[in-house]
Amino acid sequence: MNPWMWPVDHDWYYIAFSKFTGGMIGRFLIKHYNFFARVIMRQSYGDKTKLTARIHKHYLEPLQNPQERKGCWVLPREILGSTAWLENLWARKSQIDDVPKLIVWGMKDIAFRENELKVWANAFPEAEVVKLENVGHYVQEEGADRLSQHGNHFLKSTVGDA
């Protein structure tokens, strides 16, 4: 669901996000205003009406004080900071060639766009790809029914009814 595992240190989109959100300004906004969970998360939804107050509360409650929000600025910082690790992962992607793959992609994701989906599809042309047109980054929240349907079908087709 909308991941990546290759270096993006030459992609201005990720450079800007990593430097802003993982940098001094982003860290300040996240620590003092819970900017990631309050603002960035909302923007990551394809259909913002699906981020109800009840659902959003589950993401906000664990981040009530600045100490609990550290991961929200460290993760974006590491988009660039983990370049060598990501290069190593991508160089070894052939190790999972024989593993069945289901790619479920929220097509309105502002974090991982259609460009990233194309990289996955080119790297693993045998993968089953499901595009969810009105879904953003949080596929499990916005497209739960379709994710469950495709996930169940995929598991039955690859491992059976074990």
N, C-alpha and C. Protein backbone atom coordinates (compact mmCIF):
# COMPACT_ATOMS: atom_id res chain seq x y z
N MET A 1 0.84 -1.18 0.00
CA MET A 1 0.00 0.00 0.00
C MET A 1 0.88 1.24 0.00
N ASN A 2 1.03 1.80 -1.16
CA ASN A 2 1.72 3.07 -1.34
C ASN A 2 3.07 3.19 -0.60
N PRO A 3 3.97 2.24 -0.78
CA PRO A 3 5.29 2.35 -0.17
C PRO A 3 6.36 2.73 -1.20
N TRP A 4 7.58 2.78 -0.76
CA TRP A 4 8.72 2.88 -1.66
C TRP A 4 9.92 2.32 -0.93
N MET A 5 10.98 1.95 -1.68
CA MET A 5 12.19 1.44 -1.02
C MET A 5 13.43 1.74 -1.86
N TRP A 6 13.43 2.86 -2.54
CA TRP A 6 14.58 3.28 -3.33
C TRP A 6 14.93 4.71 -2.92
N PRO A 7 16.16 5.12 -3.18
CA PRO A 7 16.54 6.49 -2.80
C PRO A 7 15.79 7.53 -3.63
N VAL A 8 15.43 8.62 -2.98
CA VAL A 8 14.72 9.71 -3.66
C VAL A 8 15.48 11.03 -3.50
N ASP A 9 16.77 10.93 -3.28
CA ASP A 9 17.58 12.11 -3.03
C ASP A 9 17.82 12.97 -4.28
N HIS A 10 17.26 12.57 -5.42
CA HIS A 10 17.34 13.38 -6.64
C HIS A 10 15.96 13.85 -7.08
N ASP A 11 14.96 13.62 -6.27
CA ASP A 11 13.58 13.98 -6.58
C ASP A 11 13.21 15.21 -5.75
N TRP A 12 13.03 16.36 -6.39
CA TRP A 12 12.78 17.62 -5.67
C TRP A 12 11.58 17.51 -4.74
N TYR A 13 10.59 16.71 -5.11
CA TYR A 13 9.36 16.57 -4.33
C TYR A 13 9.69 16.03 -2.94
N TYR A 14 10.48 14.97 -2.90
CA TYR A 14 10.85 14.36 -1.62
C TYR A 14 11.92 15.16 -0.90
N ILE A 15 12.81 15.77 -1.65
CA ILE A 15 13.83 16.62 -1.03
C ILE A 15 13.15 17.76 -0.26
N ALA A 16 12.21 18.44 -0.91
CA ALA A 16 11.52 19.56 -0.27
C ALA A 16 10.75 19.10 0.97
N PHE A 17 10.00 17.99 0.85
CA PHE A 17 9.22 17.50 1.98
C PHE A 17 10.14 17.09 3.13
N SER A 18 11.19 16.36 2.82
CA SER A 18 12.11 15.87 3.85
C SER A 18 12.79 17.03 4.57
N LYS A 19 13.27 18.01 3.80
CA LYS A 19 13.97 19.13 4.42
C LYS A 19 13.05 20.03 5.22
N PHE A 20 11.84 20.25 4.71
CA PHE A 20 10.91 21.11 5.45
C PHE A 20 10.38 20.39 6.68
N THR A 21 9.77 19.24 6.50
CA THR A 21 9.10 18.54 7.60
C THR A 21 10.09 17.97 8.60
N GLY A 22 11.23 17.49 8.11
CA GLY A 22 12.24 16.93 9.00
C GLY A 22 13.25 17.95 9.48
N GLY A 23 13.14 19.17 8.98
CA GLY A 23 14.08 20.24 9.36
C GLY A 23 13.58 21.05 10.55
N MET A 24 14.26 22.16 10.76
CA MET A 24 14.01 22.98 11.94
C MET A 24 12.57 23.50 12.00
N ILE A 25 12.04 24.00 10.89
CA ILE A 25 10.68 24.55 10.89
C ILE A 25 9.65 23.44 11.11
N GLY A 26 9.78 22.36 10.36
CA GLY A 26 8.86 21.24 10.52
C GLY A 26 8.90 20.67 11.92
N ARG A 27 10.09 20.51 12.44
CA ARG A 27 10.23 19.98 13.80
C ARG A 27 9.52 20.89 14.80
N PHE A 28 9.69 22.19 14.67
CA PHE A 28 9.02 23.14 15.57
C PHE A 28 7.50 23.01 15.46
N LEU A 29 6.98 23.00 14.23
CA LEU A 29 5.53 22.90 14.02
C LEU A 29 4.97 21.58 14.55
N ILE A 30 5.71 20.51 14.35
CA ILE A 30 5.26 19.20 14.82
C ILE A 30 5.30 19.13 16.34
N LYS A 31 6.41 19.56 16.92
CA LYS A 31 6.54 19.48 18.38
C LYS A 31 5.51 20.34 19.10
N HIS A 32 5.28 21.55 18.60
CA HIS A 32 4.44 22.51 19.34
C HIS A 32 2.99 22.55 18.89
N TYR A 33 2.70 22.09 17.68
CA TYR A 33 1.33 22.19 17.16
C TYR A 33 0.81 20.87 16.59
N ASN A 34 1.58 19.80 16.73
CA ASN A 34 1.19 18.49 16.21
C ASN A 34 0.84 18.59 14.72
N PHE A 35 1.65 19.35 13.99
CA PHE A 35 1.42 19.68 12.59
C PHE A 35 1.26 18.46 11.69
N PHE A 36 2.04 17.42 11.94
CA PHE A 36 1.96 16.24 11.08
C PHE A 36 0.59 15.59 11.19
N ALA A 37 0.18 15.29 12.40
CA ALA A 37 -1.10 14.59 12.60
C ALA A 37 -2.30 15.50 12.32
N ARG A 38 -2.17 16.78 12.58
CA ARG A 38 -3.30 17.69 12.39
C ARG A 38 -3.44 18.16 10.94
N VAL A 39 -2.34 18.46 10.28
CA VAL A 39 -2.40 19.09 8.95
C VAL A 39 -1.98 18.13 7.83
N ILE A 40 -0.79 17.57 7.94
CA ILE A 40 -0.28 16.72 6.85
C ILE A 40 -1.16 15.49 6.67
N MET A 41 -1.56 14.88 7.77
CA MET A 41 -2.41 13.71 7.66
C MET A 41 -3.70 14.04 6.92
N ARG A 42 -4.33 15.13 7.26
CA ARG A 42 -5.58 15.54 6.60
C ARG A 42 -5.36 15.73 5.10
N GLN A 43 -4.25 16.33 4.73
CA GLN A 43 -3.95 16.56 3.31
C GLN A 43 -3.67 15.27 2.57
N SER A 44 -3.30 14.23 3.29
CA SER A 44 -2.95 12.95 2.67
C SER A 44 -4.17 12.10 2.32
N TYR A 45 -5.33 12.52 2.75
CA TYR A 45 -6.56 11.80 2.44
C TYR A 45 -7.05 12.19 1.04
N GLY A 46 -7.45 11.21 0.26
CA GLY A 46 -8.02 11.49 -1.05
C GLY A 46 -9.40 12.10 -0.92
N ASP A 47 -10.18 11.59 0.02
CA ASP A 47 -11.51 12.11 0.32
C ASP A 47 -11.47 12.54 1.78
N LYS A 48 -11.28 13.82 1.99
CA LYS A 48 -11.07 14.33 3.35
C LYS A 48 -12.27 14.11 4.27
N THR A 49 -13.45 13.87 3.70
CA THR A 49 -14.62 13.62 4.54
C THR A 49 -14.50 12.27 5.25
N LYS A 50 -13.63 11.40 4.76
CA LYS A 50 -13.45 10.08 5.40
C LYS A 50 -12.58 10.16 6.65
N LEU A 51 -11.87 11.26 6.82
CA LEU A 51 -11.11 11.45 8.05
C LEU A 51 -12.05 12.11 9.05
N THR A 52 -12.91 11.31 9.62
CA THR A 52 -13.87 11.82 10.59
C THR A 52 -13.15 12.20 11.88
N ALA A 53 -13.81 12.97 12.70
CA ALA A 53 -13.24 13.36 13.99
C ALA A 53 -12.91 12.12 14.82
N ARG A 54 -13.77 11.11 14.74
CA ARG A 54 -13.56 9.87 15.50
C ARG A 54 -12.30 9.14 15.04
N ILE A 55 -12.11 9.03 13.74
CA ILE A 55 -10.91 8.37 13.21
C ILE A 55 -9.67 9.21 13.51
N HIS A 56 -9.75 10.50 13.27
CA HIS A 56 -8.60 11.39 13.48
C HIS A 56 -8.15 11.34 14.93
N LYS A 57 -9.10 11.23 15.84
CA LYS A 57 -8.79 11.17 17.27
C LYS A 57 -7.82 10.02 17.58
N HIS A 58 -7.97 8.89 16.88
CA HIS A 58 -7.09 7.74 17.12
C HIS A 58 -5.65 8.03 16.73
N TYR A 59 -5.45 8.94 15.81
CA TYR A 59 -4.11 9.33 15.40
C TYR A 59 -3.57 10.47 16.27
N LEU A 60 -4.44 11.30 16.77
CA LEU A 60 -4.02 12.44 17.59
C LEU A 60 -3.72 12.06 19.04
N GLU A 61 -4.50 11.17 19.61
CA GLU A 61 -4.36 10.84 21.04
C GLU A 61 -2.98 10.35 21.43
N PRO A 62 -2.32 9.50 20.64
CA PRO A 62 -0.98 9.05 21.05
C PRO A 62 0.09 10.14 20.94
N LEU A 63 -0.27 11.28 20.37
CA LEU A 63 0.71 12.35 20.12
C LEU A 63 0.35 13.61 20.90
N GLN A 64 -0.02 13.45 22.14
CA GLN A 64 -0.52 14.59 22.91
C GLN A 64 0.56 15.54 23.40
N ASN A 65 1.80 15.06 23.53
CA ASN A 65 2.84 15.98 23.99
C ASN A 65 4.03 15.92 23.02
N PRO A 66 4.88 16.93 23.05
CA PRO A 66 5.99 17.02 22.09
C PRO A 66 6.92 15.82 22.07
N GLN A 67 7.15 15.17 23.21
CA GLN A 67 8.03 14.02 23.25
C GLN A 67 7.47 12.85 22.44
N GLU A 68 6.16 12.74 22.39
CA GLU A 68 5.51 11.64 21.66
C GLU A 68 5.50 11.88 20.15
N ARG A 69 5.86 13.06 19.71
CA ARG A 69 5.78 13.42 18.29
C ARG A 69 7.11 13.30 17.56
N LYS A 70 8.13 12.83 18.22
CA LYS A 70 9.46 12.79 17.61
C LYS A 70 9.47 12.02 16.29
N GLY A 71 8.81 10.89 16.24
CA GLY A 71 8.78 10.10 15.01
C GLY A 71 8.18 10.84 13.83
N CYS A 72 7.30 11.80 14.12
CA CYS A 72 6.63 12.55 13.06
C CYS A 72 7.56 13.51 12.33
N TRP A 73 8.69 13.87 12.94
CA TRP A 73 9.68 14.68 12.20
C TRP A 73 10.91 13.87 11.84
N VAL A 74 11.20 12.81 12.60
CA VAL A 74 12.36 11.97 12.27
C VAL A 74 12.10 11.20 10.98
N LEU A 75 10.92 10.62 10.83
CA LEU A 75 10.60 9.86 9.62
C LEU A 75 10.77 10.71 8.36
N PRO A 76 10.19 11.90 8.27
CA PRO A 76 10.41 12.71 7.07
C PRO A 76 11.89 13.08 6.86
N ARG A 77 12.59 13.33 7.94
CA ARG A 77 14.02 13.64 7.82
C ARG A 77 14.78 12.48 7.20
N GLU A 78 14.39 11.27 7.57
CA GLU A 78 15.09 10.08 7.10
C GLU A 78 14.76 9.70 5.65
N ILE A 79 13.81 10.39 5.05
CA ILE A 79 13.56 10.16 3.62
C ILE A 79 14.86 10.40 2.85
N LEU A 80 15.57 11.44 3.23
CA LEU A 80 16.89 11.71 2.63
C LEU A 80 18.00 11.09 3.45
N GLY A 81 17.85 11.08 4.76
CA GLY A 81 18.89 10.56 5.64
C GLY A 81 19.17 9.08 5.47
N SER A 82 18.23 8.35 4.91
CA SER A 82 18.39 6.90 4.73
C SER A 82 18.73 6.53 3.29
N THR A 83 19.28 7.45 2.55
CA THR A 83 19.56 7.21 1.13
C THR A 83 20.43 5.97 0.92
N ALA A 84 21.50 5.82 1.67
CA ALA A 84 22.39 4.66 1.49
C ALA A 84 21.66 3.36 1.78
N TRP A 85 20.86 3.34 2.84
CA TRP A 85 20.09 2.15 3.19
C TRP A 85 19.09 1.81 2.10
N LEU A 86 18.40 2.83 1.58
CA LEU A 86 17.43 2.62 0.52
C LEU A 86 18.11 2.13 -0.77
N GLU A 87 19.28 2.65 -1.08
CA GLU A 87 20.04 2.16 -2.25
C GLU A 87 20.33 0.67 -2.09
N ASN A 88 20.71 0.29 -0.88
CA ASN A 88 21.02 -1.11 -0.60
C ASN A 88 19.78 -1.99 -0.75
N LEU A 89 18.66 -1.54 -0.23
CA LEU A 89 17.40 -2.29 -0.37
C LEU A 89 17.03 -2.48 -1.84
N TRP A 90 17.07 -1.40 -2.59
CA TRP A 90 16.66 -1.45 -3.99
C TRP A 90 17.59 -2.34 -4.80
N ALA A 91 18.85 -2.33 -4.47
CA ALA A 91 19.82 -3.18 -5.18
C ALA A 91 19.54 -4.66 -4.94
N ARG A 92 18.86 -4.98 -3.84
CA ARG A 92 18.57 -6.38 -3.50
C ARG A 92 17.12 -6.78 -3.75
N LYS A 93 16.39 -5.97 -4.49
CA LYS A 93 14.96 -6.25 -4.70
C LYS A 93 14.71 -7.59 -5.39
N SER A 94 15.68 -8.08 -6.13
CA SER A 94 15.49 -9.36 -6.81
C SER A 94 15.32 -10.52 -5.83
N GLN A 95 15.69 -10.31 -4.58
CA GLN A 95 15.53 -11.36 -3.57
C GLN A 95 14.06 -11.69 -3.29
N ILE A 96 13.17 -10.80 -3.71
CA ILE A 96 11.74 -11.09 -3.51
C ILE A 96 11.03 -11.35 -4.84
N ASP A 97 11.79 -11.62 -5.88
CA ASP A 97 11.18 -11.89 -7.19
C ASP A 97 10.17 -13.03 -7.15
N ASP A 98 10.45 -14.06 -6.38
CA ASP A 98 9.57 -15.24 -6.39
C ASP A 98 8.43 -15.14 -5.36
N VAL A 99 8.31 -14.03 -4.68
CA VAL A 99 7.24 -13.84 -3.71
C VAL A 99 6.03 -13.21 -4.42
N PRO A 100 4.85 -13.80 -4.27
CA PRO A 100 3.66 -13.18 -4.88
C PRO A 100 3.46 -11.76 -4.33
N LYS A 101 3.00 -10.86 -5.20
CA LYS A 101 2.88 -9.46 -4.79
C LYS A 101 1.52 -8.90 -5.16
N LEU A 102 0.94 -8.18 -4.21
CA LEU A 102 -0.28 -7.43 -4.43
C LEU A 102 0.05 -5.98 -4.11
N ILE A 103 -0.14 -5.11 -5.07
CA ILE A 103 0.09 -3.68 -4.86
C ILE A 103 -1.27 -3.00 -4.87
N VAL A 104 -1.66 -2.42 -3.73
CA VAL A 104 -2.91 -1.69 -3.64
C VAL A 104 -2.54 -0.23 -3.46
N TRP A 105 -2.98 0.60 -4.41
CA TRP A 105 -2.49 1.98 -4.48
C TRP A 105 -3.62 2.99 -4.44
N GLY A 106 -3.53 3.90 -3.51
CA GLY A 106 -4.44 5.05 -3.46
C GLY A 106 -3.98 6.08 -4.47
N MET A 107 -4.76 6.28 -5.50
CA MET A 107 -4.34 7.13 -6.61
C MET A 107 -4.38 8.63 -6.28
N LYS A 108 -4.96 8.99 -5.15
CA LYS A 108 -4.96 10.40 -4.73
C LYS A 108 -3.96 10.64 -3.60
N ASP A 109 -3.02 9.75 -3.44
CA ASP A 109 -2.00 9.89 -2.41
C ASP A 109 -1.05 11.01 -2.82
N ILE A 110 -0.87 11.99 -1.94
CA ILE A 110 0.06 13.08 -2.25
C ILE A 110 1.49 12.72 -1.84
N ALA A 111 1.65 11.68 -1.04
CA ALA A 111 2.99 11.26 -0.62
C ALA A 111 3.63 10.35 -1.65
N PHE A 112 2.92 9.31 -2.03
CA PHE A 112 3.42 8.36 -3.02
C PHE A 112 2.47 8.38 -4.20
N ARG A 113 2.96 8.98 -5.24
CA ARG A 113 2.13 9.30 -6.40
C ARG A 113 2.12 8.17 -7.42
N GLU A 114 1.50 8.42 -8.52
CA GLU A 114 1.47 7.42 -9.59
C GLU A 114 2.88 7.13 -10.10
N ASN A 115 3.77 8.10 -10.04
CA ASN A 115 5.17 7.87 -10.44
C ASN A 115 5.78 6.70 -9.67
N GLU A 116 5.53 6.67 -8.37
CA GLU A 116 6.10 5.60 -7.54
C GLU A 116 5.43 4.26 -7.84
N LEU A 117 4.15 4.29 -8.13
CA LEU A 117 3.46 3.06 -8.52
C LEU A 117 4.10 2.50 -9.80
N LYS A 118 4.43 3.35 -10.72
CA LYS A 118 5.04 2.90 -11.98
C LYS A 118 6.40 2.25 -11.72
N VAL A 119 7.16 2.77 -10.77
CA VAL A 119 8.45 2.15 -10.44
C VAL A 119 8.22 0.73 -9.95
N TRP A 120 7.25 0.54 -9.05
CA TRP A 120 6.93 -0.80 -8.55
C TRP A 120 6.48 -1.71 -9.67
N ALA A 121 5.57 -1.22 -10.50
CA ALA A 121 5.02 -2.05 -11.58
C ALA A 121 6.10 -2.45 -12.57
N ASN A 122 7.05 -1.56 -12.85
CA ASN A 122 8.16 -1.90 -13.75
C ASN A 122 9.13 -2.88 -13.10
N ALA A 123 9.35 -2.73 -11.80
CA ALA A 123 10.28 -3.61 -11.10
C ALA A 123 9.70 -5.02 -10.93
N PHE A 124 8.38 -5.10 -10.77
CA PHE A 124 7.71 -6.38 -10.54
C PHE A 124 6.51 -6.50 -11.46
N PRO A 125 6.75 -6.73 -12.74
CA PRO A 125 5.65 -6.76 -13.71
C PRO A 125 4.63 -7.88 -13.46
N GLU A 126 5.00 -8.88 -12.68
CA GLU A 126 4.08 -9.97 -12.38
C GLU A 126 3.13 -9.63 -11.23
N ALA A 127 3.36 -8.52 -10.57
CA ALA A 127 2.55 -8.14 -9.41
C ALA A 127 1.12 -7.81 -9.83
N GLU A 128 0.20 -8.17 -8.98
CA GLU A 128 -1.19 -7.76 -9.17
C GLU A 128 -1.30 -6.32 -8.67
N VAL A 129 -1.82 -5.43 -9.49
CA VAL A 129 -1.93 -4.02 -9.13
C VAL A 129 -3.40 -3.63 -9.07
N VAL A 130 -3.78 -3.03 -7.94
CA VAL A 130 -5.14 -2.54 -7.76
C VAL A 130 -5.04 -1.04 -7.51
N LYS A 131 -5.69 -0.27 -8.38
CA LYS A 131 -5.70 1.18 -8.23
C LYS A 131 -7.03 1.61 -7.63
N LEU A 132 -6.96 2.31 -6.52
CA LEU A 132 -8.15 2.84 -5.86
C LEU A 132 -8.21 4.33 -6.17
N GLU A 133 -9.09 4.69 -7.07
CA GLU A 133 -9.12 6.04 -7.66
C GLU A 133 -9.36 7.17 -6.67
N ASN A 134 -10.23 7.01 -5.71
CA ASN A 134 -10.58 8.12 -4.81
C ASN A 134 -9.99 7.95 -3.42
N VAL A 135 -8.86 7.26 -3.36
CA VAL A 135 -8.21 6.97 -2.09
C VAL A 135 -6.85 7.65 -2.05
N GLY A 136 -6.49 8.16 -0.88
CA GLY A 136 -5.20 8.79 -0.69
C GLY A 136 -4.20 7.86 -0.02
N HIS A 137 -3.42 8.40 0.88
CA HIS A 137 -2.32 7.67 1.51
C HIS A 137 -2.79 6.59 2.49
N TYR A 138 -3.87 6.83 3.17
CA TYR A 138 -4.33 5.90 4.21
C TYR A 138 -5.33 4.91 3.62
N VAL A 139 -4.82 4.01 2.82
CA VAL A 139 -5.64 3.02 2.12
C VAL A 139 -6.48 2.23 3.11
N GLN A 140 -5.91 1.87 4.24
CA GLN A 140 -6.62 1.07 5.23
C GLN A 140 -7.81 1.81 5.81
N GLU A 141 -7.80 3.12 5.80
CA GLU A 141 -8.93 3.91 6.32
C GLU A 141 -9.92 4.24 5.20
N GLU A 142 -9.41 4.70 4.07
CA GLU A 142 -10.28 5.18 3.00
C GLU A 142 -10.84 4.08 2.11
N GLY A 143 -10.09 3.02 1.96
CA GLY A 143 -10.51 1.96 1.05
C GLY A 143 -10.55 0.61 1.73
N ALA A 144 -10.93 0.58 3.00
CA ALA A 144 -10.88 -0.65 3.80
C ALA A 144 -11.63 -1.81 3.15
N ASP A 145 -12.83 -1.55 2.68
CA ASP A 145 -13.63 -2.64 2.09
C ASP A 145 -12.96 -3.22 0.86
N ARG A 146 -12.49 -2.34 -0.03
CA ARG A 146 -11.84 -2.82 -1.25
C ARG A 146 -10.49 -3.45 -0.94
N LEU A 147 -9.77 -2.90 0.01
CA LEU A 147 -8.50 -3.49 0.42
C LEU A 147 -8.73 -4.90 0.96
N SER A 148 -9.72 -5.05 1.81
CA SER A 148 -10.04 -6.36 2.38
C SER A 148 -10.45 -7.34 1.28
N GLN A 149 -11.28 -6.90 0.38
CA GLN A 149 -11.74 -7.75 -0.71
C GLN A 149 -10.57 -8.22 -1.57
N HIS A 150 -9.72 -7.30 -2.00
CA HIS A 150 -8.58 -7.66 -2.84
C HIS A 150 -7.55 -8.47 -2.06
N GLY A 151 -7.34 -8.11 -0.79
CA GLY A 151 -6.40 -8.85 0.04
C GLY A 151 -6.83 -10.29 0.25
N ASN A 152 -8.10 -10.49 0.55
CA ASN A 152 -8.62 -11.85 0.73
C ASN A 152 -8.51 -12.66 -0.55
N HIS A 153 -8.88 -12.07 -1.67
CA HIS A 153 -8.79 -12.77 -2.96
C HIS A 153 -7.34 -13.13 -3.26
N PHE A 154 -6.43 -12.19 -3.02
CA PHE A 154 -5.01 -12.42 -3.28
C PHE A 154 -4.48 -13.57 -2.42
N LEU A 155 -4.81 -13.54 -1.13
CA LEU A 155 -4.34 -14.60 -0.23
C LEU A 155 -4.89 -15.96 -0.64
N LYS A 156 -6.16 -16.01 -0.98
CA LYS A 156 -6.75 -17.29 -1.40
C LYS A 156 -6.11 -17.79 -2.69
N SER A 157 -5.78 -16.89 -3.59
CA SER A 157 -5.19 -17.31 -4.86
C SER A 157 -3.73 -17.71 -4.73
N THR A 158 -3.06 -17.26 -3.66
CA THR A 158 -1.64 -17.58 -3.52
C THR A 158 -1.36 -18.66 -2.47
N VAL A 159 -2.16 -18.69 -1.40
CA VAL A 159 -1.92 -19.68 -0.35
C VAL A 159 -3.11 -20.61 -0.12
N GLY A 160 -4.21 -20.33 -0.75
CA GLY A 160 -5.38 -21.19 -0.59
C GLY A 160 -6.13 -20.90 0.68
N ASP A 161 -6.94 -21.82 1.11
CA ASP A 161 -7.77 -21.64 2.29
C ASP A 161 -7.13 -22.16 3.56
N ALA A 162 -5.83 -22.37 3.56
CA ALA A 162 -5.06 -22.91 4.68
C ALA A 162 -5.78 -22.90 5.93
